[in-house]
Amino acid sequence: MATKISPNLQLTILSRLQAIKEQVAQKEGYPYDPQKLFQLLGKAVYGRFGEVEKWDEENGVIYFEVTSDGTAGPEWIKRLKKQGLSIGILSEEALKSSQFKSTKNCTYQIAVLKAELFRNGRRFSKTILGSARRRKLKRPSAEVACLICEKFSEADLKKMGMDVIVVFHEPLLDPGIILGIECRDWLLAYSSALDNGWCARTGFAFVVSKTEC
């Protein structure tokens, strides 16, 4: 039901919106987190005040954040399995690899490009990486796959409209694999090239921004 707004409140709301507009347009840059502003404004447009969600979605892109806590690869294997999650054989090898690096207190702003953004027959890794570059997205650390696996359940992925989230970190092992989170609570390994193309209902995770840690 629509609510009438008093003239004074209208002026107050509009003045605050103008203040945001001026901040965003500053030549020296926006002084706060633009991604969080984007997400909050998206909620406000649809009246989703006070709504707590694990993620936001805008134009086929899922946004959320994860924070690292210094867990090393072998420790991730124990930690995820303790929660009842399954880890593929190649994934375990990747987590045990010296190429797997962990950080502590790094907050990653993640963007997941949904497969629907790419035409059938065009979901190749090089196409997806090219789209990420044009959007000024960066490759995440491999630890992001573990953080996502822990954050989202099978029900969460289904609600997002995906069966798999593939994390496009730098490939590990030889000839090169990347990690992904699959429905049924699996952490699996995929070929980084995948010349046959990725399936529908897949998401491709990249980094929007990362705090220094």
N, C-alpha and C. Protein backbone atom coordinates (compact mmCIF):
# COMPACT_ATOMS: atom_id res chain seq x y z
N MET A 1 0.84 -1.19 0.00
CA MET A 1 0.00 0.00 0.00
C MET A 1 0.88 1.25 0.00
N ALA A 2 0.57 2.19 -0.84
CA ALA A 2 1.35 3.41 -0.96
C ALA A 2 1.14 4.30 0.27
N THR A 3 2.18 5.04 0.65
CA THR A 3 2.12 5.95 1.80
C THR A 3 2.43 7.37 1.35
N LYS A 4 1.57 8.30 1.72
CA LYS A 4 1.83 9.70 1.38
C LYS A 4 2.98 10.23 2.25
N ILE A 5 3.86 11.01 1.62
CA ILE A 5 5.02 11.56 2.33
C ILE A 5 4.82 13.06 2.50
N SER A 6 5.07 13.52 3.71
CA SER A 6 4.91 14.96 3.98
C SER A 6 5.93 15.74 3.18
N PRO A 7 5.62 17.02 2.87
CA PRO A 7 6.57 17.86 2.11
C PRO A 7 7.94 17.95 2.76
N ASN A 8 7.98 18.07 4.09
CA ASN A 8 9.27 18.19 4.78
C ASN A 8 10.10 16.92 4.63
N LEU A 9 9.45 15.76 4.77
CA LEU A 9 10.17 14.49 4.63
C LEU A 9 10.63 14.29 3.19
N GLN A 10 9.81 14.71 2.24
CA GLN A 10 10.21 14.62 0.83
C GLN A 10 11.50 15.39 0.59
N LEU A 11 11.55 16.64 1.12
CA LEU A 11 12.73 17.47 0.94
C LEU A 11 13.96 16.83 1.58
N THR A 12 13.77 16.22 2.77
CA THR A 12 14.89 15.58 3.48
C THR A 12 15.42 14.39 2.68
N ILE A 13 14.51 13.56 2.18
CA ILE A 13 14.92 12.38 1.40
C ILE A 13 15.64 12.81 0.12
N LEU A 14 15.07 13.80 -0.57
CA LEU A 14 15.68 14.26 -1.83
C LEU A 14 17.04 14.90 -1.59
N SER A 15 17.20 15.60 -0.46
CA SER A 15 18.50 16.21 -0.16
C SER A 15 19.55 15.15 0.09
N ARG A 16 19.15 14.06 0.72
CA ARG A 16 20.10 12.97 0.97
C ARG A 16 20.47 12.27 -0.33
N LEU A 17 19.49 12.10 -1.20
CA LEU A 17 19.79 11.50 -2.50
C LEU A 17 20.73 12.40 -3.30
N GLN A 18 20.53 13.70 -3.20
CA GLN A 18 21.42 14.64 -3.89
C GLN A 18 22.84 14.56 -3.33
N ALA A 19 22.95 14.38 -2.00
CA ALA A 19 24.26 14.26 -1.37
C ALA A 19 24.99 13.02 -1.88
N ILE A 20 24.24 11.91 -2.05
CA ILE A 20 24.83 10.68 -2.58
C ILE A 20 25.28 10.91 -4.02
N LYS A 21 24.44 11.59 -4.80
CA LYS A 21 24.77 11.87 -6.21
C LYS A 21 26.06 12.68 -6.31
N GLU A 22 26.21 13.66 -5.43
CA GLU A 22 27.42 14.49 -5.44
C GLU A 22 28.65 13.70 -5.03
N GLN A 23 28.50 12.82 -4.04
CA GLN A 23 29.62 11.97 -3.61
C GLN A 23 30.09 11.06 -4.73
N VAL A 24 29.12 10.46 -5.43
CA VAL A 24 29.45 9.52 -6.51
C VAL A 24 30.16 10.23 -7.65
N ALA A 25 29.81 11.50 -7.88
CA ALA A 25 30.35 12.25 -9.02
C ALA A 25 31.68 12.94 -8.73
N GLN A 26 32.20 12.82 -7.50
CA GLN A 26 33.45 13.49 -7.16
C GLN A 26 34.59 13.02 -8.05
N LYS A 27 35.39 13.97 -8.54
CA LYS A 27 36.52 13.62 -9.40
C LYS A 27 37.54 12.74 -8.68
N GLU A 28 37.72 12.99 -7.38
CA GLU A 28 38.70 12.21 -6.62
C GLU A 28 38.20 10.83 -6.23
N GLY A 29 36.93 10.54 -6.54
CA GLY A 29 36.39 9.22 -6.27
C GLY A 29 35.42 9.19 -5.10
N TYR A 30 34.63 8.14 -5.04
CA TYR A 30 33.66 7.96 -3.97
C TYR A 30 34.39 7.59 -2.68
N PRO A 31 34.09 8.25 -1.54
CA PRO A 31 34.87 8.04 -0.32
C PRO A 31 34.55 6.76 0.46
N TYR A 32 33.50 6.06 0.05
CA TYR A 32 33.11 4.85 0.79
C TYR A 32 33.16 3.64 -0.15
N ASP A 33 32.44 2.59 0.21
CA ASP A 33 32.45 1.37 -0.59
C ASP A 33 31.35 1.46 -1.66
N PRO A 34 31.70 1.67 -2.94
CA PRO A 34 30.67 1.83 -3.97
C PRO A 34 29.82 0.59 -4.19
N GLN A 35 30.42 -0.59 -3.98
CA GLN A 35 29.66 -1.82 -4.17
C GLN A 35 28.54 -1.95 -3.14
N LYS A 36 28.85 -1.58 -1.90
CA LYS A 36 27.82 -1.64 -0.85
C LYS A 36 26.73 -0.61 -1.11
N LEU A 37 27.12 0.58 -1.59
CA LEU A 37 26.13 1.59 -1.96
C LEU A 37 25.21 1.05 -3.04
N PHE A 38 25.80 0.42 -4.05
CA PHE A 38 25.04 -0.16 -5.15
C PHE A 38 24.03 -1.18 -4.64
N GLN A 39 24.48 -2.05 -3.73
CA GLN A 39 23.60 -3.09 -3.20
C GLN A 39 22.47 -2.51 -2.35
N LEU A 40 22.81 -1.54 -1.50
CA LEU A 40 21.80 -0.94 -0.63
C LEU A 40 20.76 -0.16 -1.42
N LEU A 41 21.19 0.57 -2.45
CA LEU A 41 20.25 1.30 -3.28
C LEU A 41 19.33 0.34 -4.03
N GLY A 42 19.90 -0.79 -4.45
CA GLY A 42 19.09 -1.80 -5.12
C GLY A 42 17.97 -2.31 -4.23
N LYS A 43 18.28 -2.50 -2.95
CA LYS A 43 17.24 -2.93 -1.99
C LYS A 43 16.22 -1.83 -1.78
N ALA A 44 16.71 -0.57 -1.65
CA ALA A 44 15.81 0.54 -1.38
C ALA A 44 14.81 0.76 -2.50
N VAL A 45 15.25 0.57 -3.74
CA VAL A 45 14.36 0.77 -4.90
C VAL A 45 13.13 -0.13 -4.80
N TYR A 46 13.33 -1.33 -4.27
CA TYR A 46 12.22 -2.30 -4.18
C TYR A 46 11.67 -2.42 -2.76
N GLY A 47 12.01 -1.47 -1.89
CA GLY A 47 11.43 -1.45 -0.54
C GLY A 47 11.86 -2.58 0.35
N ARG A 48 13.06 -3.14 0.08
CA ARG A 48 13.52 -4.29 0.88
C ARG A 48 14.35 -3.78 2.07
N PHE A 49 13.71 -3.02 2.95
CA PHE A 49 14.40 -2.41 4.07
C PHE A 49 14.62 -3.43 5.19
N GLY A 50 15.82 -3.43 5.74
CA GLY A 50 16.11 -4.31 6.88
C GLY A 50 16.18 -5.78 6.52
N GLU A 51 16.12 -6.09 5.26
CA GLU A 51 16.15 -7.49 4.82
C GLU A 51 17.58 -8.01 4.83
N VAL A 52 17.79 -9.11 5.52
CA VAL A 52 19.12 -9.68 5.62
C VAL A 52 19.25 -10.81 4.62
N GLU A 53 20.16 -10.67 3.68
CA GLU A 53 20.37 -11.70 2.68
C GLU A 53 21.85 -12.03 2.58
N LYS A 54 22.13 -13.22 2.11
CA LYS A 54 23.53 -13.61 1.92
C LYS A 54 24.11 -13.01 0.65
N TRP A 55 23.22 -12.60 -0.26
CA TRP A 55 23.70 -12.09 -1.56
C TRP A 55 22.67 -11.12 -2.14
N ASP A 56 23.10 -10.38 -3.15
CA ASP A 56 22.22 -9.52 -3.95
C ASP A 56 22.41 -9.90 -5.41
N GLU A 57 21.40 -9.60 -6.21
CA GLU A 57 21.49 -9.89 -7.64
C GLU A 57 21.07 -8.67 -8.45
N GLU A 58 21.82 -8.39 -9.50
CA GLU A 58 21.51 -7.26 -10.38
C GLU A 58 21.92 -7.63 -11.81
N ASN A 59 20.94 -7.67 -12.71
CA ASN A 59 21.20 -7.90 -14.13
C ASN A 59 22.03 -9.16 -14.40
N GLY A 60 21.66 -10.26 -13.75
CA GLY A 60 22.33 -11.53 -14.00
C GLY A 60 23.65 -11.71 -13.30
N VAL A 61 23.97 -10.81 -12.35
CA VAL A 61 25.20 -10.92 -11.57
C VAL A 61 24.86 -11.02 -10.09
N ILE A 62 25.41 -12.03 -9.42
CA ILE A 62 25.22 -12.22 -7.98
C ILE A 62 26.37 -11.55 -7.25
N TYR A 63 26.05 -10.76 -6.20
CA TYR A 63 27.07 -10.07 -5.43
C TYR A 63 27.02 -10.51 -3.96
N PHE A 64 28.18 -10.74 -3.38
CA PHE A 64 28.27 -11.03 -1.95
C PHE A 64 29.71 -10.85 -1.52
N GLU A 65 29.99 -11.03 -0.24
CA GLU A 65 31.37 -10.93 0.22
C GLU A 65 31.73 -12.10 1.13
N VAL A 66 32.99 -12.43 1.14
CA VAL A 66 33.53 -13.47 2.04
C VAL A 66 34.82 -12.93 2.64
N THR A 67 35.15 -13.38 3.84
CA THR A 67 36.35 -12.91 4.54
C THR A 67 37.22 -14.09 4.93
N SER A 68 38.50 -14.02 4.61
CA SER A 68 39.43 -15.10 4.91
C SER A 68 39.84 -15.08 6.38
N ASP A 69 40.28 -16.23 6.87
CA ASP A 69 40.68 -16.31 8.29
C ASP A 69 42.00 -17.05 8.50
N GLY A 70 42.79 -17.17 7.42
CA GLY A 70 44.10 -17.78 7.55
C GLY A 70 44.14 -19.28 7.45
N THR A 71 43.01 -19.91 7.12
CA THR A 71 42.97 -21.37 7.03
C THR A 71 43.79 -21.86 5.84
N ALA A 72 44.74 -22.75 6.09
CA ALA A 72 45.59 -23.31 5.04
C ALA A 72 44.82 -24.41 4.29
N GLY A 73 45.36 -24.78 3.11
CA GLY A 73 44.68 -25.77 2.28
C GLY A 73 44.35 -27.08 2.97
N PRO A 74 45.34 -27.77 3.59
CA PRO A 74 45.04 -29.02 4.27
C PRO A 74 44.03 -28.86 5.41
N GLU A 75 44.04 -27.69 6.06
CA GLU A 75 43.08 -27.43 7.14
C GLU A 75 41.67 -27.26 6.59
N TRP A 76 41.60 -26.71 5.36
CA TRP A 76 40.28 -26.57 4.73
C TRP A 76 39.65 -27.95 4.47
N ILE A 77 40.47 -28.91 4.12
CA ILE A 77 39.94 -30.26 3.87
C ILE A 77 39.25 -30.78 5.13
N LYS A 78 39.92 -30.68 6.26
CA LYS A 78 39.35 -31.15 7.53
C LYS A 78 38.11 -30.33 7.91
N ARG A 79 38.22 -29.03 7.74
CA ARG A 79 37.14 -28.11 8.14
C ARG A 79 35.86 -28.35 7.35
N LEU A 80 35.99 -28.49 6.03
CA LEU A 80 34.80 -28.71 5.20
C LEU A 80 34.19 -30.08 5.43
N LYS A 81 35.04 -31.08 5.56
CA LYS A 81 34.53 -32.44 5.79
C LYS A 81 33.82 -32.54 7.13
N LYS A 82 34.32 -31.80 8.12
CA LYS A 82 33.69 -31.81 9.44
C LYS A 82 32.27 -31.26 9.37
N GLN A 83 32.02 -30.38 8.40
CA GLN A 83 30.69 -29.81 8.21
C GLN A 83 29.81 -30.68 7.32
N GLY A 84 30.33 -31.85 6.94
CA GLY A 84 29.55 -32.76 6.11
C GLY A 84 29.65 -32.48 4.63
N LEU A 85 30.59 -31.62 4.23
CA LEU A 85 30.77 -31.31 2.81
C LEU A 85 31.73 -32.31 2.17
N SER A 86 31.56 -32.54 0.90
CA SER A 86 32.39 -33.51 0.17
C SER A 86 33.43 -32.79 -0.68
N ILE A 87 34.60 -33.41 -0.81
CA ILE A 87 35.69 -32.82 -1.58
C ILE A 87 36.21 -33.86 -2.57
N GLY A 88 36.28 -33.49 -3.83
CA GLY A 88 36.78 -34.39 -4.86
C GLY A 88 38.27 -34.67 -4.69
N ILE A 89 38.73 -35.76 -5.30
CA ILE A 89 40.14 -36.17 -5.17
C ILE A 89 41.07 -35.09 -5.70
N LEU A 90 40.78 -34.57 -6.91
CA LEU A 90 41.63 -33.51 -7.48
C LEU A 90 41.57 -32.23 -6.65
N SER A 91 40.41 -31.97 -6.06
CA SER A 91 40.28 -30.78 -5.21
C SER A 91 41.19 -30.90 -3.99
N GLU A 92 41.24 -32.10 -3.41
CA GLU A 92 42.12 -32.31 -2.26
C GLU A 92 43.58 -32.09 -2.65
N GLU A 93 43.96 -32.58 -3.83
CA GLU A 93 45.33 -32.38 -4.29
C GLU A 93 45.64 -30.89 -4.45
N ALA A 94 44.66 -30.16 -4.97
CA ALA A 94 44.86 -28.71 -5.16
C ALA A 94 45.01 -28.00 -3.82
N LEU A 95 44.21 -28.39 -2.85
CA LEU A 95 44.27 -27.75 -1.53
C LEU A 95 45.59 -28.08 -0.81
N LYS A 96 46.15 -29.23 -1.11
CA LYS A 96 47.43 -29.62 -0.49
C LYS A 96 48.62 -29.04 -1.24
N SER A 97 48.37 -28.50 -2.42
CA SER A 97 49.46 -27.98 -3.26
C SER A 97 50.10 -26.74 -2.64
N SER A 98 51.38 -26.56 -2.92
CA SER A 98 52.09 -25.37 -2.45
C SER A 98 51.60 -24.12 -3.18
N GLN A 99 50.88 -24.32 -4.29
CA GLN A 99 50.33 -23.19 -5.05
C GLN A 99 49.12 -22.55 -4.35
N PHE A 100 48.51 -23.31 -3.44
CA PHE A 100 47.35 -22.79 -2.72
C PHE A 100 47.83 -21.84 -1.62
N LYS A 101 47.42 -20.60 -1.67
CA LYS A 101 47.84 -19.60 -0.69
C LYS A 101 46.64 -19.12 0.12
N SER A 102 46.84 -19.00 1.42
CA SER A 102 45.77 -18.50 2.28
C SER A 102 46.11 -17.11 2.79
N THR A 103 45.09 -16.34 3.11
CA THR A 103 45.27 -15.01 3.68
C THR A 103 44.44 -14.92 4.96
N LYS A 104 44.62 -13.83 5.67
CA LYS A 104 43.86 -13.64 6.91
C LYS A 104 43.26 -12.24 6.92
N ASN A 105 41.98 -12.17 7.26
CA ASN A 105 41.25 -10.90 7.37
C ASN A 105 41.18 -10.14 6.05
N CYS A 106 41.14 -10.87 4.95
CA CYS A 106 40.90 -10.26 3.63
C CYS A 106 39.41 -10.39 3.32
N THR A 107 38.77 -9.29 3.04
CA THR A 107 37.36 -9.34 2.63
C THR A 107 37.28 -9.17 1.12
N TYR A 108 36.75 -10.19 0.47
CA TYR A 108 36.61 -10.19 -0.98
C TYR A 108 35.17 -9.82 -1.35
N GLN A 109 35.01 -8.80 -2.18
CA GLN A 109 33.72 -8.51 -2.78
C GLN A 109 33.63 -9.33 -4.07
N ILE A 110 32.69 -10.26 -4.09
CA ILE A 110 32.61 -11.23 -5.19
C ILE A 110 31.46 -10.90 -6.13
N ALA A 111 31.72 -11.06 -7.42
CA ALA A 111 30.67 -10.98 -8.45
C ALA A 111 30.63 -12.31 -9.18
N VAL A 112 29.46 -12.92 -9.23
CA VAL A 112 29.28 -14.19 -9.94
C VAL A 112 28.47 -13.93 -11.20
N LEU A 113 29.11 -14.11 -12.35
CA LEU A 113 28.42 -13.93 -13.64
C LEU A 113 27.63 -15.20 -13.95
N LYS A 114 26.34 -15.06 -14.09
CA LYS A 114 25.51 -16.24 -14.36
C LYS A 114 25.61 -16.62 -15.84
N ALA A 115 25.45 -17.91 -16.10
CA ALA A 115 25.58 -18.43 -17.47
C ALA A 115 24.61 -17.78 -18.44
N GLU A 116 23.50 -17.29 -17.91
CA GLU A 116 22.49 -16.67 -18.78
C GLU A 116 23.01 -15.42 -19.48
N LEU A 117 24.13 -14.87 -19.00
CA LEU A 117 24.73 -13.69 -19.65
C LEU A 117 25.45 -14.05 -20.94
N PHE A 118 25.65 -15.36 -21.16
CA PHE A 118 26.40 -15.82 -22.34
C PHE A 118 25.51 -16.70 -23.21
N ARG A 119 25.60 -16.53 -24.49
CA ARG A 119 24.79 -17.32 -25.41
C ARG A 119 25.20 -18.79 -25.37
N ASN A 120 24.25 -19.68 -25.65
CA ASN A 120 24.57 -21.10 -25.79
C ASN A 120 25.66 -21.27 -26.84
N GLY A 121 26.63 -22.11 -26.54
CA GLY A 121 27.73 -22.33 -27.46
C GLY A 121 28.83 -21.29 -27.34
N ARG A 122 28.67 -20.31 -26.39
CA ARG A 122 29.68 -19.27 -26.22
C ARG A 122 30.20 -19.22 -24.78
N ARG A 123 29.92 -20.27 -24.02
CA ARG A 123 30.35 -20.29 -22.62
C ARG A 123 31.72 -20.95 -22.47
N PHE A 124 32.69 -20.42 -23.20
CA PHE A 124 34.06 -20.92 -23.09
C PHE A 124 34.82 -20.08 -22.06
N SER A 125 35.84 -20.68 -21.48
CA SER A 125 36.61 -19.98 -20.44
C SER A 125 37.16 -18.65 -20.95
N LYS A 126 37.70 -18.65 -22.18
CA LYS A 126 38.29 -17.41 -22.69
C LYS A 126 37.23 -16.33 -22.89
N THR A 127 36.01 -16.73 -23.26
CA THR A 127 34.92 -15.77 -23.42
C THR A 127 34.53 -15.18 -22.07
N ILE A 128 34.44 -16.04 -21.06
CA ILE A 128 34.06 -15.60 -19.72
C ILE A 128 35.13 -14.69 -19.12
N LEU A 129 36.40 -15.05 -19.31
CA LEU A 129 37.49 -14.21 -18.82
C LEU A 129 37.49 -12.85 -19.53
N GLY A 130 37.19 -12.85 -20.80
CA GLY A 130 37.11 -11.59 -21.54
C GLY A 130 36.00 -10.70 -21.02
N SER A 131 34.86 -11.29 -20.72
CA SER A 131 33.75 -10.52 -20.16
C SER A 131 34.12 -9.95 -18.80
N ALA A 132 34.81 -10.75 -17.98
CA ALA A 132 35.24 -10.28 -16.65
C ALA A 132 36.19 -9.10 -16.78
N ARG A 133 37.11 -9.16 -17.73
CA ARG A 133 38.06 -8.05 -17.93
C ARG A 133 37.33 -6.77 -18.33
N ARG A 134 36.35 -6.90 -19.21
CA ARG A 134 35.59 -5.72 -19.65
C ARG A 134 34.81 -5.10 -18.49
N ARG A 135 34.41 -5.93 -17.54
CA ARG A 135 33.70 -5.45 -16.36
C ARG A 135 34.65 -4.99 -15.26
N LYS A 136 35.97 -5.08 -15.56
CA LYS A 136 37.03 -4.70 -14.60
C LYS A 136 37.02 -5.58 -13.35
N LEU A 137 36.68 -6.85 -13.54
CA LEU A 137 36.72 -7.83 -12.46
C LEU A 137 38.07 -8.53 -12.47
N LYS A 138 38.49 -9.02 -11.31
CA LYS A 138 39.78 -9.67 -11.19
C LYS A 138 39.63 -11.14 -10.80
N ARG A 139 40.69 -11.90 -11.04
CA ARG A 139 40.69 -13.30 -10.62
C ARG A 139 40.76 -13.38 -9.09
N PRO A 140 39.98 -14.26 -8.49
CA PRO A 140 40.06 -14.42 -7.03
C PRO A 140 41.20 -15.33 -6.63
N SER A 141 41.48 -15.39 -5.34
CA SER A 141 42.38 -16.40 -4.79
C SER A 141 41.63 -17.72 -4.74
N ALA A 142 42.37 -18.83 -4.81
CA ALA A 142 41.73 -20.14 -4.77
C ALA A 142 40.98 -20.36 -3.45
N GLU A 143 41.42 -19.70 -2.38
CA GLU A 143 40.75 -19.88 -1.09
C GLU A 143 39.30 -19.40 -1.14
N VAL A 144 38.98 -18.54 -2.08
CA VAL A 144 37.61 -18.05 -2.22
C VAL A 144 36.65 -19.21 -2.48
N ALA A 145 37.10 -20.24 -3.19
CA ALA A 145 36.25 -21.40 -3.46
C ALA A 145 35.84 -22.07 -2.15
N CYS A 146 36.77 -22.19 -1.22
CA CYS A 146 36.47 -22.80 0.08
C CYS A 146 35.51 -21.92 0.87
N LEU A 147 35.73 -20.62 0.85
CA LEU A 147 34.88 -19.69 1.58
C LEU A 147 33.44 -19.71 1.03
N ILE A 148 33.31 -19.81 -0.30
CA ILE A 148 31.98 -19.88 -0.90
C ILE A 148 31.31 -21.21 -0.56
N CYS A 149 32.09 -22.28 -0.62
CA CYS A 149 31.56 -23.62 -0.31
C CYS A 149 30.98 -23.64 1.10
N GLU A 150 31.65 -22.97 2.02
CA GLU A 150 31.20 -22.93 3.41
C GLU A 150 30.01 -21.99 3.59
N LYS A 151 29.95 -20.94 2.79
CA LYS A 151 28.92 -19.91 2.97
C LYS A 151 27.55 -20.33 2.45
N PHE A 152 27.52 -21.04 1.30
CA PHE A 152 26.25 -21.31 0.64
C PHE A 152 25.90 -22.79 0.63
N SER A 153 24.64 -23.08 0.88
CA SER A 153 24.13 -24.45 0.85
C SER A 153 23.60 -24.77 -0.54
N GLU A 154 23.23 -26.03 -0.73
CA GLU A 154 22.61 -26.43 -1.99
C GLU A 154 21.35 -25.62 -2.25
N ALA A 155 20.56 -25.39 -1.18
CA ALA A 155 19.33 -24.62 -1.31
C ALA A 155 19.63 -23.18 -1.75
N ASP A 156 20.73 -22.62 -1.24
CA ASP A 156 21.12 -21.26 -1.63
C ASP A 156 21.42 -21.21 -3.13
N LEU A 157 22.21 -22.17 -3.61
CA LEU A 157 22.56 -22.18 -5.03
C LEU A 157 21.31 -22.31 -5.89
N LYS A 158 20.39 -23.17 -5.48
CA LYS A 158 19.15 -23.35 -6.23
C LYS A 158 18.36 -22.05 -6.27
N LYS A 159 18.33 -21.34 -5.13
CA LYS A 159 17.60 -20.08 -5.07
C LYS A 159 18.23 -19.03 -5.98
N MET A 160 19.56 -19.08 -6.12
CA MET A 160 20.26 -18.18 -7.04
C MET A 160 19.99 -18.53 -8.50
N GLY A 161 19.49 -19.76 -8.74
CA GLY A 161 19.27 -20.20 -10.11
C GLY A 161 20.47 -20.88 -10.72
N MET A 162 21.33 -21.47 -9.85
CA MET A 162 22.55 -22.11 -10.33
C MET A 162 22.71 -23.49 -9.68
N ASP A 163 23.43 -24.35 -10.38
CA ASP A 163 23.81 -25.65 -9.82
C ASP A 163 25.28 -25.67 -9.44
N VAL A 164 26.05 -24.77 -10.04
CA VAL A 164 27.51 -24.75 -9.83
C VAL A 164 27.99 -23.30 -9.80
N ILE A 165 28.95 -23.00 -8.91
CA ILE A 165 29.70 -21.75 -8.97
C ILE A 165 31.16 -22.12 -9.19
N VAL A 166 31.70 -21.74 -10.33
CA VAL A 166 33.10 -22.00 -10.65
C VAL A 166 33.91 -20.75 -10.31
N VAL A 167 34.99 -20.93 -9.55
CA VAL A 167 35.81 -19.80 -9.12
C VAL A 167 37.00 -19.67 -10.07
N PHE A 168 37.06 -18.56 -10.79
CA PHE A 168 38.08 -18.40 -11.83
C PHE A 168 39.39 -17.85 -11.26
N HIS A 169 39.96 -18.60 -10.30
CA HIS A 169 41.29 -18.27 -9.77
C HIS A 169 42.36 -18.72 -10.76
N GLU A 170 43.61 -18.34 -10.50
CA GLU A 170 44.70 -18.84 -11.35
C GLU A 170 44.75 -20.36 -11.23
N PRO A 171 44.88 -21.09 -12.34
CA PRO A 171 44.85 -22.55 -12.29
C PRO A 171 45.91 -23.14 -11.37
N LEU A 172 45.56 -24.25 -10.74
CA LEU A 172 46.47 -24.99 -9.87
C LEU A 172 46.82 -26.32 -10.52
N LEU A 173 47.92 -26.91 -10.08
CA LEU A 173 48.38 -28.21 -10.55
C LEU A 173 48.67 -28.18 -12.05
N ASP A 174 48.86 -29.33 -12.62
CA ASP A 174 49.19 -29.46 -14.03
C ASP A 174 48.26 -30.51 -14.63
N PRO A 175 47.52 -30.23 -15.69
CA PRO A 175 47.67 -29.12 -16.64
C PRO A 175 46.92 -27.84 -16.25
N GLY A 176 46.29 -27.81 -15.10
CA GLY A 176 45.61 -26.59 -14.69
C GLY A 176 44.15 -26.82 -14.37
N ILE A 177 43.81 -26.71 -13.08
CA ILE A 177 42.41 -26.87 -12.68
C ILE A 177 41.98 -25.66 -11.85
N ILE A 178 40.68 -25.44 -11.85
CA ILE A 178 40.09 -24.43 -10.98
C ILE A 178 39.00 -25.10 -10.15
N LEU A 179 38.71 -24.53 -9.00
CA LEU A 179 37.78 -25.15 -8.06
C LEU A 179 36.38 -24.58 -8.24
N GLY A 180 35.40 -25.41 -7.92
CA GLY A 180 34.01 -24.96 -8.01
C GLY A 180 33.16 -25.61 -6.95
N ILE A 181 32.03 -24.98 -6.68
CA ILE A 181 31.09 -25.46 -5.67
C ILE A 181 29.88 -25.99 -6.40
N GLU A 182 29.52 -27.23 -6.13
CA GLU A 182 28.42 -27.87 -6.85
C GLU A 182 27.31 -28.23 -5.88
N CYS A 183 26.07 -28.19 -6.37
CA CYS A 183 24.95 -28.64 -5.56
C CYS A 183 25.25 -30.05 -5.03
N ARG A 184 24.65 -30.38 -3.94
CA ARG A 184 24.93 -31.58 -3.15
C ARG A 184 26.18 -31.34 -2.29
N ASP A 185 26.55 -30.06 -2.13
CA ASP A 185 27.62 -29.68 -1.21
C ASP A 185 28.96 -30.33 -1.55
N TRP A 186 29.39 -30.15 -2.78
CA TRP A 186 30.68 -30.67 -3.23
C TRP A 186 31.62 -29.52 -3.55
N LEU A 187 32.91 -29.73 -3.25
CA LEU A 187 33.96 -28.86 -3.76
C LEU A 187 34.71 -29.68 -4.80
N LEU A 188 34.59 -29.28 -6.06
CA LEU A 188 35.14 -30.08 -7.14
C LEU A 188 36.15 -29.30 -7.97
N ALA A 189 36.92 -30.04 -8.77
CA ALA A 189 37.93 -29.44 -9.64
C ALA A 189 37.47 -29.53 -11.09
N TYR A 190 37.76 -28.49 -11.86
CA TYR A 190 37.38 -28.43 -13.27
C TYR A 190 38.59 -28.01 -14.09
N SER A 191 38.61 -28.45 -15.34
CA SER A 191 39.65 -27.99 -16.25
C SER A 191 39.52 -26.49 -16.45
N SER A 192 40.64 -25.77 -16.36
CA SER A 192 40.60 -24.32 -16.52
C SER A 192 40.31 -23.91 -17.96
N ALA A 193 40.55 -24.81 -18.91
CA ALA A 193 40.31 -24.49 -20.32
C ALA A 193 38.87 -24.79 -20.71
N LEU A 194 38.43 -26.01 -20.44
CA LEU A 194 37.09 -26.48 -20.77
C LEU A 194 36.65 -26.02 -22.15
N ASP A 195 37.32 -26.55 -23.16
CA ASP A 195 37.06 -26.14 -24.54
C ASP A 195 35.66 -26.53 -25.02
N ASN A 196 35.02 -27.48 -24.32
CA ASN A 196 33.68 -27.89 -24.72
C ASN A 196 32.61 -26.90 -24.26
N GLY A 197 32.98 -25.96 -23.41
CA GLY A 197 32.04 -24.96 -22.93
C GLY A 197 31.38 -25.34 -21.62
N TRP A 198 31.00 -24.32 -20.86
CA TRP A 198 30.35 -24.54 -19.57
C TRP A 198 28.85 -24.69 -19.75
N CYS A 199 28.25 -25.44 -18.83
CA CYS A 199 26.81 -25.72 -18.92
C CYS A 199 25.98 -24.54 -18.42
N ALA A 200 24.69 -24.58 -18.76
CA ALA A 200 23.75 -23.61 -18.22
C ALA A 200 23.62 -23.85 -16.72
N ARG A 201 23.07 -22.88 -15.99
CA ARG A 201 22.92 -22.93 -14.53
C ARG A 201 24.27 -23.01 -13.83
N THR A 202 25.29 -22.42 -14.49
CA THR A 202 26.62 -22.29 -13.88
C THR A 202 26.89 -20.81 -13.63
N GLY A 203 27.60 -20.53 -12.54
CA GLY A 203 28.02 -19.17 -12.25
C GLY A 203 29.54 -19.09 -12.24
N PHE A 204 30.08 -17.94 -12.60
CA PHE A 204 31.52 -17.77 -12.72
C PHE A 204 31.97 -16.66 -11.78
N ALA A 205 32.74 -17.01 -10.74
CA ALA A 205 33.07 -16.07 -9.67
C ALA A 205 34.36 -15.31 -9.93
N PHE A 206 34.28 -13.99 -9.74
CA PHE A 206 35.42 -13.09 -9.85
C PHE A 206 35.39 -12.11 -8.69
N VAL A 207 36.46 -11.31 -8.57
CA VAL A 207 36.56 -10.33 -7.48
C VAL A 207 36.27 -8.93 -7.99
N VAL A 208 35.38 -8.23 -7.29
CA VAL A 208 35.13 -6.82 -7.58
C VAL A 208 36.18 -5.98 -6.88
N SER A 209 36.40 -6.26 -5.60
CA SER A 209 37.40 -5.54 -4.82
C SER A 209 37.84 -6.41 -3.65
N LYS A 210 38.99 -6.07 -3.07
CA LYS A 210 39.52 -6.83 -1.93
C LYS A 210 40.17 -5.86 -0.95
N THR A 211 39.87 -6.03 0.34
CA THR A 211 40.53 -5.20 1.34
C THR A 211 41.96 -5.65 1.52
N GLU A 212 42.85 -4.75 1.88
CA GLU A 212 44.24 -5.11 2.15
C GLU A 212 44.32 -5.94 3.42
N CYS A 213 45.17 -6.95 3.43
CA CYS A 213 45.28 -7.81 4.60
C CYS A 213 46.72 -8.30 4.73
